[in-house]
Amino acid sequence: EGHMPAREAYYLDTRGRAKQLFAELGVWDTELNSGILFYLNLCERKVEIVIDRGIKTATTQQVWDEVCAHIVQRLAQQQYRQAVITGVQEIGEILDAFYDRQLLDQQNELSNAPIILG
């Protein structure tokens, strides 16, 4: 997202906006509660990762804080593309470990395509 809409920014911080989008986009709506929202606010230069309850029980906040730190580090070095790639790869590795490739024979329940908000 380039910037939060003014009506949202008045009531929400970046974390709140990420949680709002998690709900609005239905990221929580998976059989194994495996949804993850990787939210990048370009204007505020902030990164948030919102995880569904199934993943929350199997990981720690420190794991997600480290992923965010790696992304922010790349952004600070103006390696924007690599920051996003690194973030997506690290999230994928965490999911692979958590689900132990249980989902190989199933189709994605949610799209993996990025959503770019104005």
N, C-alpha and C. Protein backbone atom coordinates (compact mmCIF):
# COMPACT_ATOMS: atom_id res chain seq x y z
N GLU A 1 0.85 -1.17 0.00
CA GLU A 1 0.00 0.00 0.00
C GLU A 1 0.90 1.23 0.00
N GLY A 2 0.62 2.14 -0.90
CA GLY A 2 1.41 3.36 -0.98
C GLY A 2 1.24 4.25 0.23
N HIS A 3 0.02 4.36 0.69
CA HIS A 3 -0.30 5.12 1.90
C HIS A 3 -1.67 4.69 2.39
N MET A 4 -1.90 4.82 3.67
CA MET A 4 -3.21 4.48 4.19
C MET A 4 -4.19 5.57 3.80
N PRO A 5 -5.39 5.21 3.42
CA PRO A 5 -6.40 6.22 3.15
C PRO A 5 -6.61 7.09 4.39
N ALA A 6 -6.86 8.37 4.19
CA ALA A 6 -7.00 9.31 5.31
C ALA A 6 -8.03 8.84 6.32
N ARG A 7 -9.15 8.32 5.83
CA ARG A 7 -10.21 7.87 6.75
C ARG A 7 -9.74 6.72 7.63
N GLU A 8 -8.81 5.90 7.13
CA GLU A 8 -8.27 4.78 7.90
C GLU A 8 -7.15 5.26 8.82
N ALA A 9 -6.30 6.13 8.33
CA ALA A 9 -5.15 6.60 9.10
C ALA A 9 -5.58 7.32 10.38
N TYR A 10 -6.73 7.93 10.35
CA TYR A 10 -7.23 8.64 11.53
C TYR A 10 -7.51 7.69 12.68
N TYR A 11 -7.97 6.47 12.35
CA TYR A 11 -8.36 5.51 13.38
C TYR A 11 -7.36 4.38 13.61
N LEU A 12 -6.52 4.12 12.63
CA LEU A 12 -5.66 2.94 12.70
C LEU A 12 -4.19 3.28 12.54
N ASP A 13 -3.34 2.50 13.21
CA ASP A 13 -1.92 2.55 12.90
C ASP A 13 -1.64 1.48 11.84
N THR A 14 -0.40 1.29 11.49
CA THR A 14 -0.06 0.34 10.43
C THR A 14 -0.49 -1.08 10.81
N ARG A 15 -0.27 -1.45 12.06
CA ARG A 15 -0.67 -2.79 12.52
C ARG A 15 -2.18 -2.97 12.41
N GLY A 16 -2.91 -1.94 12.85
CA GLY A 16 -4.36 -2.00 12.77
C GLY A 16 -4.85 -2.12 11.35
N ARG A 17 -4.21 -1.39 10.43
CA ARG A 17 -4.59 -1.46 9.02
C ARG A 17 -4.32 -2.86 8.47
N ALA A 18 -3.20 -3.45 8.84
CA ALA A 18 -2.88 -4.81 8.38
C ALA A 18 -3.94 -5.80 8.88
N LYS A 19 -4.33 -5.67 10.13
CA LYS A 19 -5.36 -6.56 10.68
C LYS A 19 -6.70 -6.35 9.98
N GLN A 20 -7.01 -5.09 9.69
CA GLN A 20 -8.25 -4.78 8.98
C GLN A 20 -8.26 -5.46 7.60
N LEU A 21 -7.17 -5.35 6.87
CA LEU A 21 -7.07 -5.97 5.55
C LEU A 21 -7.11 -7.49 5.64
N PHE A 22 -6.49 -8.04 6.68
CA PHE A 22 -6.52 -9.49 6.91
C PHE A 22 -7.97 -9.97 6.95
N ALA A 23 -8.80 -9.22 7.68
CA ALA A 23 -10.22 -9.59 7.79
C ALA A 23 -10.97 -9.29 6.50
N GLU A 24 -10.79 -8.10 5.94
CA GLU A 24 -11.53 -7.71 4.73
C GLU A 24 -11.24 -8.63 3.55
N LEU A 25 -10.00 -9.06 3.43
CA LEU A 25 -9.60 -9.92 2.31
C LEU A 25 -9.89 -11.40 2.57
N GLY A 26 -10.37 -11.73 3.77
CA GLY A 26 -10.69 -13.12 4.10
C GLY A 26 -9.48 -14.02 4.21
N VAL A 27 -8.36 -13.47 4.61
CA VAL A 27 -7.13 -14.26 4.71
C VAL A 27 -7.28 -15.35 5.78
N TRP A 28 -8.15 -15.15 6.73
CA TRP A 28 -8.39 -16.12 7.81
C TRP A 28 -9.22 -17.31 7.34
N ASP A 29 -9.76 -17.24 6.14
CA ASP A 29 -10.75 -18.22 5.67
C ASP A 29 -10.09 -19.41 4.98
N THR A 30 -9.30 -20.18 5.74
CA THR A 30 -8.69 -21.40 5.20
C THR A 30 -8.96 -22.56 6.14
N GLU A 31 -9.00 -23.74 5.60
CA GLU A 31 -9.34 -24.93 6.39
C GLU A 31 -8.39 -25.14 7.57
N LEU A 32 -7.09 -24.94 7.35
CA LEU A 32 -6.10 -25.18 8.40
C LEU A 32 -5.70 -23.90 9.14
N ASN A 33 -6.47 -22.82 8.94
CA ASN A 33 -6.15 -21.53 9.59
C ASN A 33 -4.70 -21.14 9.31
N SER A 34 -4.36 -21.18 8.02
CA SER A 34 -2.97 -21.00 7.61
C SER A 34 -2.71 -19.69 6.87
N GLY A 35 -3.65 -18.76 6.94
CA GLY A 35 -3.49 -17.52 6.20
C GLY A 35 -2.43 -16.60 6.79
N ILE A 36 -1.72 -15.91 5.90
CA ILE A 36 -0.72 -14.93 6.31
C ILE A 36 -0.88 -13.71 5.41
N LEU A 37 -0.87 -12.54 6.03
CA LEU A 37 -0.87 -11.29 5.28
C LEU A 37 0.46 -10.60 5.50
N PHE A 38 1.16 -10.36 4.42
CA PHE A 38 2.43 -9.63 4.43
C PHE A 38 2.08 -8.23 3.95
N TYR A 39 2.09 -7.26 4.86
CA TYR A 39 1.65 -5.90 4.57
C TYR A 39 2.84 -4.97 4.58
N LEU A 40 3.01 -4.27 3.48
CA LEU A 40 4.11 -3.32 3.34
C LEU A 40 3.51 -1.95 3.08
N ASN A 41 3.72 -1.01 4.00
CA ASN A 41 3.24 0.35 3.83
C ASN A 41 4.43 1.19 3.37
N LEU A 42 4.44 1.51 2.10
CA LEU A 42 5.58 2.21 1.51
C LEU A 42 5.77 3.61 2.05
N CYS A 43 4.69 4.32 2.26
CA CYS A 43 4.77 5.70 2.72
C CYS A 43 5.38 5.78 4.12
N GLU A 44 4.92 4.91 4.99
CA GLU A 44 5.41 4.93 6.37
C GLU A 44 6.63 4.05 6.57
N ARG A 45 7.01 3.32 5.54
CA ARG A 45 8.16 2.42 5.59
C ARG A 45 8.04 1.42 6.74
N LYS A 46 6.88 0.80 6.80
CA LYS A 46 6.62 -0.18 7.86
C LYS A 46 6.16 -1.49 7.24
N VAL A 47 6.49 -2.56 7.93
CA VAL A 47 6.14 -3.91 7.51
C VAL A 47 5.39 -4.57 8.65
N GLU A 48 4.31 -5.23 8.31
CA GLU A 48 3.55 -6.01 9.29
C GLU A 48 3.24 -7.37 8.69
N ILE A 49 3.30 -8.39 9.51
CA ILE A 49 2.89 -9.72 9.11
C ILE A 49 1.80 -10.14 10.08
N VAL A 50 0.63 -10.44 9.54
CA VAL A 50 -0.50 -10.90 10.36
C VAL A 50 -0.68 -12.38 10.04
N ILE A 51 -0.70 -13.20 11.08
CA ILE A 51 -0.81 -14.64 10.90
C ILE A 51 -2.11 -15.16 11.49
N ASP A 52 -2.61 -16.21 10.90
CA ASP A 52 -3.84 -16.84 11.37
C ASP A 52 -3.56 -17.68 12.62
N ARG A 53 -4.61 -18.02 13.30
CA ARG A 53 -4.49 -18.70 14.60
C ARG A 53 -3.83 -20.07 14.51
N GLY A 54 -3.96 -20.77 13.39
CA GLY A 54 -3.32 -22.07 13.26
C GLY A 54 -1.80 -21.97 13.28
N ILE A 55 -1.28 -20.95 12.66
CA ILE A 55 0.17 -20.74 12.62
C ILE A 55 0.66 -20.15 13.93
N LYS A 56 -0.18 -19.32 14.52
CA LYS A 56 0.20 -18.66 15.78
C LYS A 56 0.50 -19.68 16.88
N THR A 57 -0.20 -20.79 16.88
CA THR A 57 0.02 -21.81 17.91
C THR A 57 1.32 -22.58 17.72
N ALA A 58 1.89 -22.53 16.49
CA ALA A 58 3.07 -23.33 16.19
C ALA A 58 4.34 -22.50 16.06
N THR A 59 4.24 -21.19 16.17
CA THR A 59 5.41 -20.33 16.01
C THR A 59 5.46 -19.33 17.16
N THR A 60 6.52 -18.56 17.18
CA THR A 60 6.63 -17.51 18.19
C THR A 60 6.65 -16.15 17.49
N GLN A 61 6.35 -15.11 18.22
CA GLN A 61 6.39 -13.76 17.66
C GLN A 61 7.80 -13.41 17.20
N GLN A 62 8.80 -13.95 17.87
CA GLN A 62 10.19 -13.67 17.50
C GLN A 62 10.48 -14.09 16.06
N VAL A 63 9.92 -15.20 15.63
CA VAL A 63 10.12 -15.67 14.25
C VAL A 63 9.63 -14.61 13.27
N TRP A 64 8.46 -14.06 13.51
CA TRP A 64 7.86 -13.08 12.60
C TRP A 64 8.57 -11.74 12.71
N ASP A 65 9.01 -11.39 13.91
CA ASP A 65 9.78 -10.15 14.08
C ASP A 65 11.09 -10.20 13.28
N GLU A 66 11.72 -11.38 13.25
CA GLU A 66 12.96 -11.54 12.49
C GLU A 66 12.72 -11.40 11.00
N VAL A 67 11.63 -11.96 10.50
CA VAL A 67 11.30 -11.82 9.08
C VAL A 67 11.11 -10.34 8.76
N CYS A 68 10.35 -9.64 9.59
CA CYS A 68 10.13 -8.20 9.37
C CYS A 68 11.45 -7.44 9.42
N ALA A 69 12.33 -7.78 10.34
CA ALA A 69 13.62 -7.10 10.46
C ALA A 69 14.46 -7.28 9.20
N HIS A 70 14.44 -8.49 8.65
CA HIS A 70 15.19 -8.74 7.41
C HIS A 70 14.65 -7.90 6.25
N ILE A 71 13.34 -7.80 6.19
CA ILE A 71 12.71 -6.99 5.14
C ILE A 71 13.07 -5.52 5.30
N VAL A 72 12.95 -5.02 6.52
CA VAL A 72 13.25 -3.61 6.80
C VAL A 72 14.72 -3.31 6.50
N GLN A 73 15.59 -4.25 6.83
CA GLN A 73 17.02 -4.07 6.56
C GLN A 73 17.26 -3.90 5.06
N ARG A 74 16.64 -4.73 4.25
CA ARG A 74 16.80 -4.62 2.79
C ARG A 74 16.20 -3.32 2.27
N LEU A 75 15.06 -2.93 2.82
CA LEU A 75 14.44 -1.67 2.40
C LEU A 75 15.35 -0.49 2.71
N ALA A 76 15.99 -0.52 3.88
CA ALA A 76 16.89 0.57 4.27
C ALA A 76 18.10 0.66 3.34
N GLN A 77 18.47 -0.48 2.75
CA GLN A 77 19.58 -0.51 1.79
C GLN A 77 19.09 -0.22 0.37
N GLN A 78 17.84 0.17 0.25
CA GLN A 78 17.20 0.47 -1.03
C GLN A 78 17.18 -0.74 -1.97
N GLN A 79 17.11 -1.91 -1.39
CA GLN A 79 16.99 -3.16 -2.15
C GLN A 79 15.52 -3.60 -2.09
N TYR A 80 14.66 -2.82 -2.70
CA TYR A 80 13.22 -2.98 -2.55
C TYR A 80 12.71 -4.32 -3.07
N ARG A 81 13.12 -4.64 -4.27
CA ARG A 81 12.68 -5.92 -4.85
C ARG A 81 13.16 -7.10 -4.00
N GLN A 82 14.42 -7.06 -3.63
CA GLN A 82 14.99 -8.15 -2.83
C GLN A 82 14.34 -8.23 -1.45
N ALA A 83 13.93 -7.09 -0.91
CA ALA A 83 13.25 -7.08 0.39
C ALA A 83 11.97 -7.90 0.33
N VAL A 84 11.19 -7.68 -0.71
CA VAL A 84 9.92 -8.40 -0.87
C VAL A 84 10.19 -9.88 -1.15
N ILE A 85 11.14 -10.16 -2.02
CA ILE A 85 11.47 -11.56 -2.33
C ILE A 85 11.93 -12.30 -1.08
N THR A 86 12.81 -11.66 -0.32
CA THR A 86 13.31 -12.27 0.92
C THR A 86 12.17 -12.56 1.87
N GLY A 87 11.28 -11.58 2.03
CA GLY A 87 10.14 -11.77 2.93
C GLY A 87 9.26 -12.93 2.52
N VAL A 88 8.92 -13.00 1.25
CA VAL A 88 8.06 -14.07 0.76
C VAL A 88 8.75 -15.42 0.91
N GLN A 89 10.03 -15.49 0.60
CA GLN A 89 10.76 -16.76 0.74
C GLN A 89 10.81 -17.22 2.20
N GLU A 90 11.10 -16.30 3.11
CA GLU A 90 11.17 -16.67 4.53
C GLU A 90 9.81 -17.13 5.05
N ILE A 91 8.76 -16.43 4.64
CA ILE A 91 7.41 -16.85 5.04
C ILE A 91 7.12 -18.24 4.50
N GLY A 92 7.49 -18.49 3.25
CA GLY A 92 7.29 -19.81 2.65
C GLY A 92 8.02 -20.91 3.39
N GLU A 93 9.24 -20.63 3.81
CA GLU A 93 10.02 -21.62 4.56
C GLU A 93 9.36 -21.94 5.90
N ILE A 94 8.85 -20.92 6.55
CA ILE A 94 8.16 -21.13 7.84
C ILE A 94 6.91 -21.98 7.62
N LEU A 95 6.15 -21.67 6.58
CA LEU A 95 4.95 -22.45 6.29
C LEU A 95 5.29 -23.89 5.94
N ASP A 96 6.35 -24.09 5.15
CA ASP A 96 6.77 -25.46 4.82
C ASP A 96 7.08 -26.25 6.08
N ALA A 97 7.79 -25.63 7.02
CA ALA A 97 8.15 -26.33 8.26
C ALA A 97 6.90 -26.60 9.10
N PHE A 98 6.00 -25.64 9.15
CA PHE A 98 4.80 -25.79 9.98
C PHE A 98 3.87 -26.87 9.44
N TYR A 99 3.64 -26.85 8.15
CA TYR A 99 2.70 -27.79 7.55
C TYR A 99 3.35 -29.04 7.01
N ASP A 100 4.68 -29.10 7.08
CA ASP A 100 5.41 -30.29 6.65
C ASP A 100 4.92 -30.80 5.30
N ARG A 101 4.67 -29.84 4.42
CA ARG A 101 4.23 -30.13 3.05
C ARG A 101 2.92 -30.90 2.99
N GLN A 102 2.04 -30.73 3.96
CA GLN A 102 0.73 -31.37 3.97
C GLN A 102 -0.15 -30.91 2.82
N LEU A 103 0.13 -29.73 2.30
CA LEU A 103 -0.77 -29.13 1.33
C LEU A 103 -0.36 -29.38 -0.12
N LEU A 104 0.62 -30.24 -0.36
CA LEU A 104 1.11 -30.45 -1.72
C LEU A 104 0.02 -30.92 -2.69
N ASP A 105 -0.88 -31.76 -2.23
CA ASP A 105 -1.89 -32.31 -3.12
C ASP A 105 -3.15 -31.45 -3.19
N GLN A 106 -3.18 -30.38 -2.43
CA GLN A 106 -4.36 -29.52 -2.41
C GLN A 106 -4.07 -28.23 -3.17
N GLN A 107 -5.13 -27.64 -3.71
CA GLN A 107 -4.98 -26.36 -4.37
C GLN A 107 -4.97 -25.26 -3.32
N ASN A 108 -4.39 -24.13 -3.69
CA ASN A 108 -4.40 -22.98 -2.80
C ASN A 108 -5.84 -22.55 -2.54
N GLU A 109 -6.13 -22.26 -1.29
CA GLU A 109 -7.46 -21.75 -0.95
C GLU A 109 -7.55 -20.25 -1.18
N LEU A 110 -6.41 -19.58 -1.16
CA LEU A 110 -6.34 -18.14 -1.38
C LEU A 110 -5.34 -17.87 -2.49
N SER A 111 -5.53 -16.77 -3.16
CA SER A 111 -4.60 -16.39 -4.23
C SER A 111 -3.26 -15.98 -3.63
N ASN A 112 -2.19 -16.30 -4.32
CA ASN A 112 -0.85 -15.88 -3.91
C ASN A 112 -0.42 -14.59 -4.61
N ALA A 113 -1.30 -14.07 -5.45
CA ALA A 113 -0.97 -12.85 -6.21
C ALA A 113 -0.95 -11.65 -5.26
N PRO A 114 0.02 -10.77 -5.43
CA PRO A 114 0.06 -9.57 -4.60
C PRO A 114 -1.13 -8.66 -4.90
N ILE A 115 -1.56 -7.96 -3.89
CA ILE A 115 -2.61 -6.95 -4.04
C ILE A 115 -1.98 -5.61 -3.73
N ILE A 116 -1.99 -4.73 -4.71
CA ILE A 116 -1.38 -3.42 -4.53
C ILE A 116 -2.50 -2.41 -4.31
N LEU A 117 -2.47 -1.77 -3.15
CA LEU A 117 -3.49 -0.80 -2.79
C LEU A 117 -2.94 0.60 -3.01
N GLY A 118 -3.77 1.47 -3.57
CA GLY A 118 -3.41 2.85 -3.88
C GLY A 118 -2.58 3.47 -2.88
